[in-house]
C-alpha atoms as a PDB file:
ATOM      1  CA  GLU A   1       8.846  -7.723 -99.999  1.00  0.00           C
ATOM      2  CA  PRO A   2       6.095  -9.796-100.504  1.00  0.00           C
ATOM      3  CA  MET A   3       4.582 -11.390 -97.630  1.00  0.00           C
ATOM      4  CA  ARG A   4       1.446 -13.183 -96.502  1.00  0.00           C
ATOM      5  CA  ALA A   5      -0.927 -11.643 -93.897  1.00  0.00           C
ATOM      6  CA  GLU A   6      -1.338 -12.770 -90.395  1.00  0.00           C
ATOM      7  CA  LEU A   7      -4.388 -15.202 -89.633  1.00  0.00           C
ATOM      8  CA  PRO A   8      -7.275 -14.239 -90.669  1.00  0.00           C
ATOM      9  CA  THR A   9      -5.819 -13.614 -94.187  1.00  0.00           C
ATOM     10  CA  VAL A  10      -9.483 -11.446 -94.371  1.00  0.00           C
ATOM     11  CA  THR A  11      -9.710  -7.813 -95.413  1.00  0.00           C
ATOM     12  CA  PRO A  12     -11.580  -6.101 -92.452  1.00  0.00           C
ATOM     13  CA  ILE A  13      -8.465  -7.592 -90.395  1.00  0.00           C
ATOM     14  CA  GLY A  14      -5.741  -7.781 -92.727  1.00  0.00           C
ATOM     15  CA  MET A  15      -6.434  -3.583 -93.566  1.00  0.00           C
ATOM     16  CA  THR A  16      -7.287  -2.945 -90.196  1.00  0.00           C
ATOM     17  CA  ALA A  17      -3.724  -4.468 -88.211  1.00  0.00           C
ATOM     18  CA  LEU A  18      -1.884  -2.276 -91.242  1.00  0.00           C
ATOM     19  CA  MET A  19      -3.346   1.111 -89.727  1.00  0.00           C
ATOM     20  CA  PRO A  20      -1.507   3.243 -86.641  1.00  0.00           C
ATOM     21  CA  LEU A  21      -3.165   1.773 -84.039  1.00  0.00           C
ATOM     22  CA  SER A  22      -0.268   2.515 -81.066  1.00  0.00           C
ATOM     23  CA  SER A  23      -2.445   4.907 -79.347  1.00  0.00           C
ATOM     24  CA  ALA A  24      -5.747   3.335 -80.362  1.00  0.00           C
ATOM     25  CA  THR A  25      -7.588   0.859 -78.465  1.00  0.00           C
ATOM     26  CA  VAL A  26      -8.496  -1.716 -80.672  1.00  0.00           C
ATOM     27  CA  THR A  27     -11.311  -4.389 -79.969  1.00  0.00           C
ATOM     28  CA  LEU A  28     -12.449  -7.546 -81.721  1.00  0.00           C
ATOM     29  CA  GLU A  29     -16.604  -8.396 -81.858  1.00  0.00           C
ATOM     30  CA  VAL A  30     -18.131 -11.544 -83.358  1.00  0.00           C
ATOM     31  CA  LYS A  31     -21.712 -10.861 -85.382  1.00  0.00           C
ATOM     32  CA  GLY A  32     -22.815 -13.900 -86.507  1.00  0.00           C
ATOM     33  CA  ASN A  33     -20.098 -15.868 -88.336  1.00  0.00           C
ATOM     34  CA  ASN A  34     -17.367 -12.662 -88.895  1.00  0.00           C
ATOM     35  CA  VAL A  35     -15.484 -10.827 -87.149  1.00  0.00           C
ATOM     36  CA  HIS A  36     -15.073  -7.282 -87.090  1.00  0.00           C
ATOM     37  CA  PRO A  37     -12.146  -5.330 -85.884  1.00  0.00           C
ATOM     38  CA  ARG A  38     -13.531  -2.082 -83.904  1.00  0.00           C
ATOM     39  CA  VAL A  39     -10.643   0.539 -83.096  1.00  0.00           C
ATOM     40  CA  ASN A  40     -11.682   3.477 -80.801  1.00  0.00           C
ATOM     41  CA  GLY A  41     -15.179   1.723 -80.833  1.00  0.00           C
ATOM     42  CA  LYS A  42     -16.025   2.230 -84.908  1.00  0.00           C
ATOM     43  CA  ASP A  43     -16.571  -1.196 -86.436  1.00  0.00           C
ATOM     44  CA  CYS A  44     -13.438  -1.046 -89.397  1.00  0.00           C
ATOM     45  CA  ALA A  45     -14.786  -4.368 -91.068  1.00  0.00           C
ATOM     46  CA  GLN A  46     -16.111  -0.819 -93.029  1.00  0.00           C
ATOM     47  CA  ARG A  47     -13.596   0.257 -95.551  1.00  0.00           C
ATOM     48  CA  LYS A  48     -15.583   4.118 -94.673  1.00  0.00           C
ATOM     49  CA  GLN A  49     -14.155   3.721 -91.091  1.00  0.00           C
ATOM     50  CA  ARG A  50     -11.205   2.385 -91.948  1.00  0.00           C
ATOM     51  CA  LEU A  51     -10.397   5.679 -94.149  1.00  0.00           C
ATOM     52  CA  ALA A  52     -12.168   7.519 -91.521  1.00  0.00           C
ATOM     53  CA  PHE A  53      -9.512   6.859 -89.309  1.00  0.00           C
ATOM     54  CA  MET A  54      -6.491   7.052 -91.681  1.00  0.00           C
ATOM     55  CA  THR A  55      -7.488  10.938 -92.722  1.00  0.00           C
ATOM     56  CA  ALA A  56      -7.677  11.486 -89.197  1.00  0.00           C
ATOM     57  CA  PHE A  57      -4.843  10.045 -88.946  1.00  0.00           C
ATOM     58  CA  GLY A  58      -3.426  12.672 -91.136  1.00  0.00           C
ATOM     59  CA  ALA A  59      -3.553  10.874 -94.451  1.00  0.00           C
ATOM     60  CA  ASP A  60      -4.404  11.916 -97.507  1.00  0.00           C
ATOM     61  CA  CYS A  61      -6.737   8.976 -99.208  1.00  0.00           C
ATOM     62  CA  ARG A  62      -7.869   8.974-102.394  1.00  0.00           C
ATOM     63  CA  ASP A  63      -8.984   6.065-105.124  1.00  0.00           C
ATOM     64  CA  ILE A  64      -6.643   4.761-107.418  1.00  0.00           C
ATOM     65  CA  GLU A  65      -8.851   5.781-110.741  1.00  0.00           C
ATOM     66  CA  ALA A  66      -9.163   9.677-109.024  1.00  0.00           C
ATOM     67  CA  LEU A  67      -4.826   9.251-109.892  1.00  0.00           C
ATOM     68  CA  GLU A  68      -4.880   6.808-112.486  1.00  0.00           C
ATOM     69  CA  SER A  69      -6.081   9.911-115.075  1.00  0.00           C
ATOM     70  CA  GLU A  70      -3.798  12.462-113.370  1.00  0.00           C
ATOM     71  CA  ALA A  71      -1.135  13.861-115.481  1.00  0.00           C
ATOM     72  CA  SER A  72       0.230  15.888-113.355  1.00  0.00           C
ATOM     73  CA  ALA A  73       0.587  15.955-109.502  1.00  0.00           C
ATOM     74  CA  PRO A  74      -2.775  17.646-108.168  1.00  0.00           C
ATOM     75  CA  ALA A  75      -1.550  20.690-106.131  1.00  0.00           C
ATOM     76  CA  ASP A  76      -3.310  19.420-103.051  1.00  0.00           C
ATOM     77  CA  LEU A  77      -1.241  16.062-102.619  1.00  0.00           C
ATOM     78  CA  GLY A  78      -0.563  15.225 -98.691  1.00  0.00           C
ATOM     79  CA  GLU A  79       2.703  14.263 -97.873  1.00  0.00           C
ATOM     80  CA  LEU A  80       1.298  10.495 -96.667  1.00  0.00           C
ATOM     81  CA  LEU A  81      -0.732   9.050 -99.084  1.00  0.00           C
ATOM     82  CA  VAL A  82      -3.565   6.174 -99.037  1.00  0.00           C
ATOM     83  CA  VAL A  83      -4.410   5.045-102.636  1.00  0.00           C
ATOM     84  CA  PHE A  84      -7.234   2.442-102.195  1.00  0.00           C
ATOM     85  CA  GLY A  85      -9.501   1.256-104.401  1.00  0.00           C
ATOM     86  CA  HIS A  86      -9.712  -2.464-107.394  1.00  0.00           C
ATOM     87  CA  GLU A  87     -13.213  -3.278-106.002  1.00  0.00           C
ATOM     88  CA  GLU A  88     -13.219  -5.142-109.745  1.00  0.00           C
ATOM     89  CA  VAL A  89     -10.164  -7.410-108.051  1.00  0.00           C
ATOM     90  CA  ASP A  90     -12.060  -8.007-105.064  1.00  0.00           C
ATOM     91  CA  HIS A  91     -14.992  -9.342-106.718  1.00  0.00           C
ATOM     92  CA  ILE A  92     -13.253 -11.381-109.033  1.00  0.00           C
ATOM     93  CA  GLY A  93     -10.966 -12.658-106.353  1.00  0.00           C
ATOM     94  CA  HIS A  94     -14.550 -13.601-104.682  1.00  0.00           C
ATOM     95  CA  GLY A  95     -16.622 -14.720-107.233  1.00  0.00           C
ATOM     96  CA  SER A  96     -13.887 -16.952-109.594  1.00  0.00           C
ATOM     97  CA  ALA A  97     -10.244 -17.405-108.447  1.00  0.00           C
ATOM     98  CA  ASP A  98      -9.242 -18.658-112.248  1.00  0.00           C
ATOM     99  CA  THR A  99     -10.559 -15.638-113.656  1.00  0.00           C
ATOM    100  CA  LEU A 100      -9.117 -13.717-111.278  1.00  0.00           C
ATOM    101  CA  VAL A 101      -5.290 -15.755-112.465  1.00  0.00           C
ATOM    102  CA  ARG A 102      -5.735 -14.848-115.617  1.00  0.00           C
ATOM    103  CA  HIS A 103      -6.932 -10.873-114.568  1.00  0.00           C
ATOM    104  CA  LEU A 104      -3.602 -10.687-112.569  1.00  0.00           C
ATOM    105  CA  ASP A 105      -1.412  -9.652-115.088  1.00  0.00           C
ATOM    106  CA  GLN A 106      -3.293  -6.455-116.056  1.00  0.00           C
ATOM    107  CA  GLU A 107      -3.649  -5.528-112.644  1.00  0.00           C
ATOM    108  CA  VAL A 108      -0.115  -5.827-111.860  1.00  0.00           C
ATOM    109  CA  ARG A 109       1.211  -3.662-114.507  1.00  0.00           C
ATOM    110  CA  ARG A 110      -1.686  -0.995-114.037  1.00  0.00           C
ATOM    111  CA  VAL A 111      -0.502  -0.790-109.863  1.00  0.00           C
ATOM    112  CA  ALA A 112       3.645  -0.723-111.585  1.00  0.00           C
ATOM    113  CA  ARG A 113       2.313   2.428-113.780  1.00  0.00           C
ATOM    114  CA  LEU A 114       0.541   4.028-110.503  1.00  0.00           C
ATOM    115  CA  ILE A 115       3.686   3.514-108.463  1.00  0.00           C
ATOM    116  CA  ARG A 116       5.798   4.851-111.462  1.00  0.00           C
ATOM    117  CA  LYS A 117       3.479   7.599-110.833  1.00  0.00           C
ATOM    118  CA  LEU A 118       3.793   8.133-107.596  1.00  0.00           C
ATOM    119  CA  HIS A 119       7.964   7.804-107.979  1.00  0.00           C
ATOM    120  CA  ARG A 120       8.073  11.005-110.516  1.00  0.00           C
ATOM    121  CA  TRP A 121       5.121  12.979-107.995  1.00  0.00           C
ATOM    122  CA  GLY A 122       7.900  12.909-104.888  1.00  0.00           C
ATOM    123  CA  TYR A 123       6.557   9.658-102.987  1.00  0.00           C
ATOM    124  CA  THR A 124       9.992   7.844-102.755  1.00  0.00           C
ATOM    125  CA  ALA A 125       8.272   4.770-101.005  1.00  0.00           C
ATOM    126  CA  VAL A 126       5.093   3.655-101.609  1.00  0.00           C
ATOM    127  CA  HIS A 127       3.773   0.379-100.267  1.00  0.00           C
ATOM    128  CA  VAL A 128       1.199  -2.005-102.014  1.00  0.00           C
ATOM    129  CA  VAL A 129      -1.097  -3.821 -99.460  1.00  0.00           C
ATOM    130  CA  THR A 130      -3.061  -6.481-101.757  1.00  0.00           C
ATOM    131  CA  ASP A 131      -6.115  -8.847-100.900  1.00  0.00           C
ATOM    132  CA  HIS A 132      -5.629 -12.140-102.757  1.00  0.00           C
ATOM    133  CA  GLY A 133      -1.975 -11.743-103.191  1.00  0.00           C
ATOM    134  CA  PHE A 134      -1.774 -15.290-101.772  1.00  0.00           C
ATOM    135  CA  VAL A 135      -2.638 -16.919-105.776  1.00  0.00           C
ATOM    136  CA  LEU A 136       1.116 -15.321-106.253  1.00  0.00           C
ATOM    137  CA  LEU A 137       2.448 -18.162-104.193  1.00  0.00           C
ATOM    138  CA  ASP A 138       3.907 -21.224-105.117  1.00  0.00           C
ATOM    139  CA  GLU A 139       1.881 -23.795-104.692  1.00  0.00           C
ATOM    140  CA  SER A 140       4.716 -25.567-102.170  1.00  0.00           C
ATOM    141  CA  LYS A 141       4.766 -22.924 -99.649  1.00  0.00           C
ATOM    142  CA  LEU A 142       0.439 -22.781 -99.306  1.00  0.00           C
ATOM    143  CA  PRO A 143      -0.295 -24.068 -95.199  1.00  0.00           C
ATOM    144  CA  GLU A 144      -1.153 -27.423 -95.144  1.00  0.00           C
ATOM    145  CA  GLU A 145      -5.252 -27.684 -94.234  1.00  0.00           C
ATOM    146  CA  VAL A 146      -5.912 -27.988 -90.562  1.00  0.00           C
ATOM    147  CA  PRO A 147      -9.228 -30.162 -89.626  1.00  0.00           C
ATOM    148  CA  CYS A 148     -11.791 -28.184 -87.945  1.00  0.00           C
ATOM    149  CA  ASP A 149     -14.780 -29.296 -85.705  1.00  0.00           C
ATOM    150  CA  LYS A 150     -17.362 -26.726 -87.359  1.00  0.00           C
ATOM    151  CA  ASP A 151     -18.833 -27.559 -83.696  1.00  0.00           C
ATOM    152  CA  TRP A 152     -15.561 -26.279 -81.401  1.00  0.00           C
ATOM    153  CA  CYS A 153     -16.035 -22.935 -83.814  1.00  0.00           C
ATOM    154  CA  HIS A 154     -17.240 -19.348 -82.442  1.00  0.00           C
ATOM    155  CA  VAL A 155     -16.692 -18.415 -86.590  1.00  0.00           C
ATOM    156  CA  ARG A 156     -15.597 -20.832 -89.077  1.00  0.00           C
ATOM    157  CA  LYS A 157     -14.243 -19.518 -92.460  1.00  0.00           C
ATOM    158  CA  GLU A 158     -12.627 -20.753 -95.671  1.00  0.00           C
ATOM    159  CA  ARG A 159      -9.230 -19.704 -94.520  1.00  0.00           C
ATOM    160  CA  TYR A 160      -9.985 -19.314 -90.931  1.00  0.00           C
ATOM    161  CA  ALA A 161     -11.482 -20.096 -87.417  1.00  0.00           C
ATOM    162  CA  LEU A 162     -11.807 -18.552 -84.362  1.00  0.00           C
ATOM    163  CA  ILE A 163     -11.589 -21.679 -81.855  1.00  0.00           C
ATOM    164  CA  PRO A 164     -11.353 -21.732 -77.853  1.00  0.00           C
ATOM    165  CA  ALA A 165      -8.125 -22.662 -76.425  1.00  0.00           C
ATOM    166  CA  THR A 166     -10.070 -25.146 -74.502  1.00  0.00           C
ATOM    167  CA  ALA A 167     -11.501 -27.205 -77.671  1.00  0.00           C
END
């Protein structure tokens, strides 16, 4: 079921929040104008740290391109499979939203093909997590812009800001 992510809607926060964190120590660190989630002391703003955490949890982490090229299920696939990738989509989304909108149909078909393949391989439940998914929302469902004085902010970005409660 589609949903909007919790604020701040940025990859390092959103992807970290989806990890199995119930027995982990999670903190946030502000570096410059960026927020870095730390899980058990590791900076999970970096994909490699998130993947290392998931691997230690028992997930089999594979790049999407490695599985797209397989005609049949690799013999060593794990029960919990985490497929990651789509660097190109993320790059387009940050550089040219108009281009991404025109490219989305192709990427949705690509993901649908992979989901069908994973079902054939015995994965009965597939969860799709995406960044830039907001482009699929009807404009009437987008939140209103909130005025924000930059002097209030610890961190101020296009889609979120960290502001002290006393501001």
